[in-house]
Amino acid sequence: MQNWLAFLEKAGPIGLMIIFCSVIALFIIVERALAFRSLRLRDGRLYHRLRKRAQEGSFDEAAALARQERHPWAVAMVEVLARLAGKGGASTRTELEKTFSHVAAREVRGMERFLPTLFLIASISPLLGLLGTVTGMIKAFKAIENLGGKVDASVLAGGIWEAMLTTALGLGVAIPAMVAHNYLQGRVHATVADMKEETGIFLDALEDAGILAAGENKNTVRVQSINGSGREVG
């Protein structure tokens, strides 16, 4: 405990800020990892079973299957199937794409929750470390000036070591935070790609079954993510 207190004292207030950022980053990483784990499909045959029920016109049964899953695609398909059931299947591809797009965009934003904050921590932590080093060096050379320049080399080295401690802290937080952010963002992109593929297959299956008007323009659904970039789904 005494070693930790001494370490925090040498790190200074900027070092405490970096440590606080590391705690937030760790919370986000754990929370998002658990959230993504819970989004996995429990029924690996869901896509096939749902398409089959929809092709048969059993929209309520297909929606019941989708409600058993928390995957963003399944959540969005509940709304699509509800629209089909409400209109007795008399819906166009464009109408279904719009319905899917609205719900999917909301689900994708939920998946990207806290990721901008994690990216911000990864970006500012090295800058905070550099700031701590600069302020520490200023204090060290200020002390040398007050002593008239008569300072032993070991004393100067000790001051520089303490000043550079915050840089090491900043990099130690930024590197894993950036790696985790890129991994989690990649999971989001992979999920969006799966949603795009399965939505296209689902709508094509409905057209083949004669439920949707054949030959209609197959518009591309764009899912708006939390960072403002458009992603195509469907």
C-alpha atoms as a PDB file:
ATOM      1  CA  MET A   1       0.000   0.000   0.000  1.00  0.00           C
ATOM      2  CA  GLN A   2       2.845   2.384   0.832  1.00  0.00           C
ATOM      3  CA  ASN A   3       4.441   1.651  -2.548  1.00  0.00           C
ATOM      4  CA  TRP A   4       1.194   2.464  -4.328  1.00  0.00           C
ATOM      5  CA  LEU A   5       0.794   5.703  -2.394  1.00  0.00           C
ATOM      6  CA  ALA A   6       4.357   6.671  -3.266  1.00  0.00           C
ATOM      7  CA  PHE A   7       3.722   5.807  -6.894  1.00  0.00           C
ATOM      8  CA  LEU A   8       0.574   7.948  -7.017  1.00  0.00           C
ATOM      9  CA  GLU A   9       2.389  10.820  -5.327  1.00  0.00           C
ATOM     10  CA  LYS A  10       5.136  10.743  -7.953  1.00  0.00           C
ATOM     11  CA  ALA A  11       2.612  10.473 -10.787  1.00  0.00           C
ATOM     12  CA  GLY A  12       0.921  13.661  -9.631  1.00  0.00           C
ATOM     13  CA  PRO A  13      -2.581  14.889 -10.524  1.00  0.00           C
ATOM     14  CA  ILE A  14      -2.117  14.206 -14.238  1.00  0.00           C
ATOM     15  CA  GLY A  15      -1.092  10.640 -13.463  1.00  0.00           C
ATOM     16  CA  LEU A  16      -4.266  10.267 -11.389  1.00  0.00           C
ATOM     17  CA  MET A  17      -6.288  11.468 -14.376  1.00  0.00           C
ATOM     18  CA  ILE A  18      -4.679   8.822 -16.569  1.00  0.00           C
ATOM     19  CA  ILE A  19      -5.388   6.123 -13.984  1.00  0.00           C
ATOM     20  CA  PHE A  20      -9.007   7.289 -13.832  1.00  0.00           C
ATOM     21  CA  CYS A  21      -9.205   7.006 -17.627  1.00  0.00           C
ATOM     22  CA  SER A  22      -7.838   3.470 -17.410  1.00  0.00           C
ATOM     23  CA  VAL A  23     -10.607   2.492 -15.001  1.00  0.00           C
ATOM     24  CA  ILE A  24     -13.251   3.862 -17.364  1.00  0.00           C
ATOM     25  CA  ALA A  25     -11.632   2.104 -20.331  1.00  0.00           C
ATOM     26  CA  LEU A  26     -11.572  -1.205 -18.455  1.00  0.00           C
ATOM     27  CA  PHE A  27     -15.248  -0.843 -17.561  1.00  0.00           C
ATOM     28  CA  ILE A  28     -16.178  -0.151 -21.206  1.00  0.00           C
ATOM     29  CA  ILE A  29     -14.149  -3.091 -22.516  1.00  0.00           C
ATOM     30  CA  VAL A  30     -15.683  -5.551 -20.048  1.00  0.00           C
ATOM     31  CA  GLU A  31     -19.209  -4.188 -20.508  1.00  0.00           C
ATOM     32  CA  ARG A  32     -19.058  -4.293 -24.322  1.00  0.00           C
ATOM     33  CA  ALA A  33     -17.450  -7.752 -24.360  1.00  0.00           C
ATOM     34  CA  LEU A  34     -20.283  -9.112 -22.206  1.00  0.00           C
ATOM     35  CA  ALA A  35     -22.882  -7.300 -24.314  1.00  0.00           C
ATOM     36  CA  PHE A  36     -21.543  -8.727 -27.578  1.00  0.00           C
ATOM     37  CA  ARG A  37     -21.386 -12.183 -26.062  1.00  0.00           C
ATOM     38  CA  SER A  38     -25.089 -12.019 -25.177  1.00  0.00           C
ATOM     39  CA  LEU A  39     -25.939 -11.032 -28.771  1.00  0.00           C
ATOM     40  CA  ARG A  40     -24.848 -14.362 -30.226  1.00  0.00           C
ATOM     41  CA  LEU A  41     -27.568 -16.441 -31.848  1.00  0.00           C
ATOM     42  CA  ARG A  42     -28.632 -19.300 -29.615  1.00  0.00           C
ATOM     43  CA  ASP A  43     -30.242 -21.069 -32.564  1.00  0.00           C
ATOM     44  CA  GLY A  44     -27.768 -21.361 -35.402  1.00  0.00           C
ATOM     45  CA  ARG A  45     -30.567 -22.433 -37.768  1.00  0.00           C
ATOM     46  CA  LEU A  46     -32.663 -19.327 -37.059  1.00  0.00           C
ATOM     47  CA  TYR A  47     -32.084 -17.770 -40.479  1.00  0.00           C
ATOM     48  CA  HIS A  48     -33.263 -20.869 -42.322  1.00  0.00           C
ATOM     49  CA  ARG A  49     -36.232 -21.541 -40.028  1.00  0.00           C
ATOM     50  CA  LEU A  50     -37.394 -17.932 -40.112  1.00  0.00           C
ATOM     51  CA  ARG A  51     -37.204 -17.747 -43.908  1.00  0.00           C
ATOM     52  CA  LYS A  52     -39.132 -20.989 -44.233  1.00  0.00           C
ATOM     53  CA  ARG A  53     -41.943 -19.788 -41.948  1.00  0.00           C
ATOM     54  CA  ALA A  54     -42.149 -16.467 -43.779  1.00  0.00           C
ATOM     55  CA  GLN A  55     -42.267 -18.166 -47.193  1.00  0.00           C
ATOM     56  CA  GLU A  56     -45.167 -20.264 -45.936  1.00  0.00           C
ATOM     57  CA  GLY A  57     -46.988 -17.093 -44.851  1.00  0.00           C
ATOM     58  CA  SER A  58     -46.676 -17.934 -41.147  1.00  0.00           C
ATOM     59  CA  PHE A  59     -45.495 -14.471 -40.181  1.00  0.00           C
ATOM     60  CA  ASP A  60     -46.604 -14.702 -36.553  1.00  0.00           C
ATOM     61  CA  GLU A  61     -44.670 -17.949 -36.062  1.00  0.00           C
ATOM     62  CA  ALA A  62     -41.604 -16.421 -37.708  1.00  0.00           C
ATOM     63  CA  ALA A  63     -41.860 -13.383 -35.426  1.00  0.00           C
ATOM     64  CA  ALA A  64     -42.105 -15.667 -32.395  1.00  0.00           C
ATOM     65  CA  LEU A  65     -38.848 -17.325 -33.465  1.00  0.00           C
ATOM     66  CA  ALA A  66     -37.164 -13.938 -33.880  1.00  0.00           C
ATOM     67  CA  ARG A  67     -38.303 -12.764 -30.425  1.00  0.00           C
ATOM     68  CA  GLN A  68     -36.342 -15.607 -28.840  1.00  0.00           C
ATOM     69  CA  GLU A  69     -33.074 -14.005 -29.949  1.00  0.00           C
ATOM     70  CA  ARG A  70     -31.347 -10.752 -28.978  1.00  0.00           C
ATOM     71  CA  HIS A  71     -29.287 -10.495 -32.137  1.00  0.00           C
ATOM     72  CA  PRO A  72     -29.842  -7.103 -33.873  1.00  0.00           C
ATOM     73  CA  TRP A  73     -30.992  -8.824 -37.068  1.00  0.00           C
ATOM     74  CA  ALA A  74     -33.616 -10.828 -35.199  1.00  0.00           C
ATOM     75  CA  VAL A  75     -34.844  -7.724 -33.359  1.00  0.00           C
ATOM     76  CA  ALA A  76     -35.213  -5.849 -36.647  1.00  0.00           C
ATOM     77  CA  MET A  77     -36.958  -8.798 -38.299  1.00  0.00           C
ATOM     78  CA  VAL A  78     -39.644  -8.769 -35.585  1.00  0.00           C
ATOM     79  CA  GLU A  79     -40.771  -5.370 -36.895  1.00  0.00           C
ATOM     80  CA  VAL A  80     -40.547  -6.507 -40.523  1.00  0.00           C
ATOM     81  CA  LEU A  81     -42.630  -9.602 -39.843  1.00  0.00           C
ATOM     82  CA  ALA A  82     -45.142  -7.584 -37.834  1.00  0.00           C
ATOM     83  CA  ARG A  83     -45.599  -5.320 -40.839  1.00  0.00           C
ATOM     84  CA  LEU A  84     -46.072  -8.339 -43.099  1.00  0.00           C
ATOM     85  CA  ALA A  85     -48.599  -9.867 -40.710  1.00  0.00           C
ATOM     86  CA  GLY A  86     -50.464  -6.577 -40.363  1.00  0.00           C
ATOM     87  CA  LYS A  87     -50.848  -6.255 -44.115  1.00  0.00           C
ATOM     88  CA  GLY A  88     -51.418  -9.920 -44.749  1.00  0.00           C
ATOM     89  CA  GLY A  89     -48.170 -10.090 -46.715  1.00  0.00           C
ATOM     90  CA  ALA A  90     -49.207  -7.245 -49.029  1.00  0.00           C
ATOM     91  CA  SER A  91     -45.994  -5.242 -48.620  1.00  0.00           C
ATOM     92  CA  THR A  92     -43.395  -4.107 -51.090  1.00  0.00           C
ATOM     93  CA  ARG A  93     -39.687  -4.727 -50.808  1.00  0.00           C
ATOM     94  CA  THR A  94     -39.059  -0.999 -50.370  1.00  0.00           C
ATOM     95  CA  GLU A  95     -41.474  -0.792 -47.428  1.00  0.00           C
ATOM     96  CA  LEU A  96     -39.831  -3.731 -45.695  1.00  0.00           C
ATOM     97  CA  GLU A  97     -36.356  -2.309 -46.315  1.00  0.00           C
ATOM     98  CA  LYS A  98     -37.362   0.991 -44.714  1.00  0.00           C
ATOM     99  CA  THR A  99     -38.802  -0.776 -41.686  1.00  0.00           C
ATOM    100  CA  PHE A 100     -35.702  -2.905 -41.300  1.00  0.00           C
ATOM    101  CA  SER A 101     -33.420   0.106 -41.780  1.00  0.00           C
ATOM    102  CA  HIS A 102     -35.012   2.117 -38.970  1.00  0.00           C
ATOM    103  CA  VAL A 103     -34.838  -0.681 -36.412  1.00  0.00           C
ATOM    104  CA  ALA A 104     -31.407  -1.915 -37.483  1.00  0.00           C
ATOM    105  CA  ALA A 105     -29.955   1.591 -37.199  1.00  0.00           C
ATOM    106  CA  ARG A 106     -31.146   1.774 -33.601  1.00  0.00           C
ATOM    107  CA  GLU A 107     -29.671  -1.633 -32.803  1.00  0.00           C
ATOM    108  CA  VAL A 108     -26.306  -0.776 -34.371  1.00  0.00           C
ATOM    109  CA  ARG A 109     -26.125   2.428 -32.348  1.00  0.00           C
ATOM    110  CA  GLY A 110     -26.758   0.330 -29.257  1.00  0.00           C
ATOM    111  CA  MET A 111     -23.871  -1.968 -30.203  1.00  0.00           C
ATOM    112  CA  GLU A 112     -21.568   1.039 -30.573  1.00  0.00           C
ATOM    113  CA  ARG A 113     -22.471   2.336 -27.115  1.00  0.00           C
ATOM    114  CA  PHE A 114     -19.419   3.710 -25.246  1.00  0.00           C
ATOM    115  CA  LEU A 115     -17.062   2.976 -28.157  1.00  0.00           C
ATOM    116  CA  PRO A 116     -16.533   6.698 -28.934  1.00  0.00           C
ATOM    117  CA  THR A 117     -15.580   7.203 -25.275  1.00  0.00           C
ATOM    118  CA  LEU A 118     -13.089   4.342 -25.481  1.00  0.00           C
ATOM    119  CA  PHE A 119     -11.580   5.870 -28.624  1.00  0.00           C
ATOM    120  CA  LEU A 120     -11.341   9.247 -26.858  1.00  0.00           C
ATOM    121  CA  ILE A 121      -9.474   7.691 -23.922  1.00  0.00           C
ATOM    122  CA  ALA A 122      -7.077   5.952 -26.289  1.00  0.00           C
ATOM    123  CA  SER A 123      -6.429   9.288 -28.027  1.00  0.00           C
ATOM    124  CA  ILE A 124      -5.961  11.600 -25.047  1.00  0.00           C
ATOM    125  CA  SER A 125      -4.047   9.284 -22.686  1.00  0.00           C
ATOM    126  CA  PRO A 126      -0.676   9.752 -24.485  1.00  0.00           C
ATOM    127  CA  LEU A 127      -1.296  13.501 -24.615  1.00  0.00           C
ATOM    128  CA  LEU A 128      -1.982  13.585 -20.892  1.00  0.00           C
ATOM    129  CA  GLY A 129       1.209  11.601 -20.340  1.00  0.00           C
ATOM    130  CA  LEU A 130       3.180  14.050 -22.451  1.00  0.00           C
ATOM    131  CA  LEU A 131       1.656  16.957 -20.560  1.00  0.00           C
ATOM    132  CA  GLY A 132       2.691  15.366 -17.273  1.00  0.00           C
ATOM    133  CA  THR A 133       6.235  14.892 -18.545  1.00  0.00           C
ATOM    134  CA  VAL A 134       6.507  18.506 -19.698  1.00  0.00           C
ATOM    135  CA  THR A 135       5.191  19.909 -16.430  1.00  0.00           C
ATOM    136  CA  GLY A 136       7.478  17.573 -14.482  1.00  0.00           C
ATOM    137  CA  MET A 137      10.503  18.681 -16.489  1.00  0.00           C
ATOM    138  CA  ILE A 138       9.570  22.305 -15.884  1.00  0.00           C
ATOM    139  CA  LYS A 139       9.515  21.652 -12.138  1.00  0.00           C
ATOM    140  CA  ALA A 140      12.839  19.792 -12.295  1.00  0.00           C
ATOM    141  CA  PHE A 141      14.650  22.582 -14.126  1.00  0.00           C
ATOM    142  CA  LYS A 142      12.982  25.160 -11.912  1.00  0.00           C
ATOM    143  CA  ALA A 143      14.498  23.407  -8.902  1.00  0.00           C
ATOM    144  CA  ILE A 144      17.911  23.439 -10.605  1.00  0.00           C
ATOM    145  CA  GLU A 145      17.590  27.162 -11.188  1.00  0.00           C
ATOM    146  CA  ASN A 146      16.685  27.792  -7.558  1.00  0.00           C
ATOM    147  CA  LEU A 147      19.804  25.898  -6.470  1.00  0.00           C
ATOM    148  CA  GLY A 148      21.999  27.986  -8.727  1.00  0.00           C
ATOM    149  CA  GLY A 149      22.717  25.144 -11.101  1.00  0.00           C
ATOM    150  CA  LYS A 150      24.707  23.191  -8.502  1.00  0.00           C
ATOM    151  CA  VAL A 151      22.781  19.940  -8.707  1.00  0.00           C
ATOM    152  CA  ASP A 152      24.143  16.418  -8.616  1.00  0.00           C
ATOM    153  CA  ALA A 153      23.478  14.320 -11.737  1.00  0.00           C
ATOM    154  CA  SER A 154      21.639  11.691  -9.709  1.00  0.00           C
ATOM    155  CA  VAL A 155      19.242  14.335  -8.419  1.00  0.00           C
ATOM    156  CA  LEU A 156      18.546  15.543 -11.955  1.00  0.00           C
ATOM    157  CA  ALA A 157      18.048  11.975 -13.197  1.00  0.00           C
ATOM    158  CA  GLY A 158      15.579  11.307 -10.392  1.00  0.00           C
ATOM    159  CA  GLY A 159      13.535  14.350 -11.344  1.00  0.00           C
ATOM    160  CA  ILE A 160      13.469  13.371 -15.013  1.00  0.00           C
ATOM    161  CA  TRP A 161      12.449   9.815 -14.132  1.00  0.00           C
ATOM    162  CA  GLU A 162       9.485  11.059 -12.156  1.00  0.00           C
ATOM    163  CA  ALA A 163       8.518  13.416 -14.980  1.00  0.00           C
ATOM    164  CA  MET A 164       8.545  10.667 -17.608  1.00  0.00           C
ATOM    165  CA  LEU A 165       6.431   8.391 -15.442  1.00  0.00           C
ATOM    166  CA  THR A 166       3.220   9.952 -16.763  1.00  0.00           C
ATOM    167  CA  THR A 167       4.257   9.303 -20.373  1.00  0.00           C
ATOM    168  CA  ALA A 168       4.676   5.614 -19.575  1.00  0.00           C
ATOM    169  CA  LEU A 169       1.284   5.614 -17.861  1.00  0.00           C
ATOM    170  CA  GLY A 170      -0.376   7.307 -20.820  1.00  0.00           C
ATOM    171  CA  LEU A 171       1.042   4.837 -23.322  1.00  0.00           C
ATOM    172  CA  GLY A 172       0.208   1.925 -21.042  1.00  0.00           C
ATOM    173  CA  VAL A 173      -3.449   2.976 -21.100  1.00  0.00           C
ATOM    174  CA  ALA A 174      -3.670   4.101 -24.729  1.00  0.00           C
ATOM    175  CA  ILE A 175      -2.244   0.988 -26.408  1.00  0.00           C
ATOM    176  CA  PRO A 176      -4.657  -1.614 -24.947  1.00  0.00           C
ATOM    177  CA  ALA A 177      -7.567   0.840 -25.212  1.00  0.00           C
ATOM    178  CA  MET A 178      -6.910   1.376 -28.927  1.00  0.00           C
ATOM    179  CA  VAL A 179      -6.528  -2.367 -29.553  1.00  0.00           C
ATOM    180  CA  ALA A 180      -9.784  -3.073 -27.711  1.00  0.00           C
ATOM    181  CA  HIS A 181     -11.605  -0.302 -29.583  1.00  0.00           C
ATOM    182  CA  ASN A 182     -10.540  -1.619 -32.978  1.00  0.00           C
ATOM    183  CA  TYR A 183     -11.533  -5.160 -32.023  1.00  0.00           C
ATOM    184  CA  LEU A 184     -14.959  -4.128 -30.730  1.00  0.00           C
ATOM    185  CA  GLN A 185     -15.579  -1.862 -33.720  1.00  0.00           C
ATOM    186  CA  GLY A 186     -14.640  -4.768 -35.962  1.00  0.00           C
ATOM    187  CA  ARG A 187     -17.282  -6.885 -34.246  1.00  0.00           C
ATOM    188  CA  VAL A 188     -19.859  -4.217 -35.050  1.00  0.00           C
ATOM    189  CA  HIS A 189     -18.787  -4.117 -38.702  1.00  0.00           C
ATOM    190  CA  ALA A 190     -18.967  -7.915 -38.932  1.00  0.00           C
ATOM    191  CA  THR A 191     -22.466  -7.932 -37.462  1.00  0.00           C
ATOM    192  CA  VAL A 192     -23.607  -5.259 -39.906  1.00  0.00           C
ATOM    193  CA  ALA A 193     -22.199  -7.288 -42.804  1.00  0.00           C
ATOM    194  CA  ASP A 194     -24.098 -10.374 -41.600  1.00  0.00           C
ATOM    195  CA  MET A 195     -27.293  -8.338 -41.307  1.00  0.00           C
ATOM    196  CA  LYS A 196     -26.843  -7.058 -44.843  1.00  0.00           C
ATOM    197  CA  GLU A 197     -26.337 -10.524 -46.255  1.00  0.00           C
ATOM    198  CA  GLU A 198     -29.179 -12.214 -44.385  1.00  0.00           C
ATOM    199  CA  THR A 199     -31.645  -9.407 -45.119  1.00  0.00           C
ATOM    200  CA  GLY A 200     -30.987  -9.682 -48.839  1.00  0.00           C
ATOM    201  CA  ILE A 201     -31.426 -13.460 -48.726  1.00  0.00           C
ATOM    202  CA  PHE A 202     -34.638 -13.108 -46.701  1.00  0.00           C
ATOM    203  CA  LEU A 203     -36.230 -10.578 -49.065  1.00  0.00           C
ATOM    204  CA  ASP A 204     -35.156 -12.578 -52.107  1.00  0.00           C
ATOM    205  CA  ALA A 205     -36.804 -15.652 -50.570  1.00  0.00           C
ATOM    206  CA  LEU A 206     -40.055 -13.737 -50.106  1.00  0.00           C
ATOM    207  CA  GLU A 207     -39.948 -12.606 -53.722  1.00  0.00           C
ATOM    208  CA  ASP A 208     -39.325 -16.166 -54.916  1.00  0.00           C
ATOM    209  CA  ALA A 209     -42.332 -17.296 -52.879  1.00  0.00           C
ATOM    210  CA  GLY A 210     -44.489 -14.638 -54.556  1.00  0.00           C
ATOM    211  CA  ILE A 211     -45.099 -12.736 -51.329  1.00  0.00           C
ATOM    212  CA  LEU A 212     -43.354  -9.597 -52.571  1.00  0.00           C
ATOM    213  CA  ALA A 213     -43.773  -8.039 -55.974  1.00  0.00           C
ATOM    214  CA  ALA A 214     -41.234  -9.642 -58.313  1.00  0.00           C
ATOM    215  CA  GLY A 215     -39.021  -7.435 -60.420  1.00  0.00           C
ATOM    216  CA  GLU A 216     -39.177  -4.463 -58.050  1.00  0.00           C
ATOM    217  CA  ASN A 217     -36.026  -2.398 -57.676  1.00  0.00           C
ATOM    218  CA  LYS A 218     -33.894  -3.839 -54.902  1.00  0.00           C
ATOM    219  CA  ASN A 219     -32.955  -0.734 -52.994  1.00  0.00           C
ATOM    220  CA  THR A 220     -30.072  -0.802 -50.563  1.00  0.00           C
ATOM    221  CA  VAL A 221     -30.850  -0.126 -46.928  1.00  0.00           C
ATOM    222  CA  ARG A 222     -28.337   2.103 -45.177  1.00  0.00           C
ATOM    223  CA  VAL A 223     -27.922   1.738 -41.450  1.00  0.00           C
ATOM    224  CA  GLN A 224     -26.722   4.926 -39.765  1.00  0.00           C
ATOM    225  CA  SER A 225     -24.197   4.243 -37.038  1.00  0.00           C
ATOM    226  CA  ILE A 226     -23.489   6.383 -34.010  1.00  0.00           C
ATOM    227  CA  ASN A 227     -20.407   7.887 -35.606  1.00  0.00           C
ATOM    228  CA  GLY A 228     -22.439   9.115 -38.556  1.00  0.00           C
ATOM    229  CA  SER A 229     -21.108   6.712 -41.184  1.00  0.00           C
ATOM    230  CA  GLY A 230     -23.644   4.998 -43.417  1.00  0.00           C
ATOM    231  CA  ARG A 231     -23.587   1.245 -43.627  1.00  0.00           C
ATOM    232  CA  GLU A 232     -25.500  -0.795 -46.162  1.00  0.00           C
ATOM    233  CA  VAL A 233     -27.822  -3.477 -44.905  1.00  0.00           C
ATOM    234  CA  GLY A 234     -30.089  -5.484 -47.168  1.00  0.00           C
END
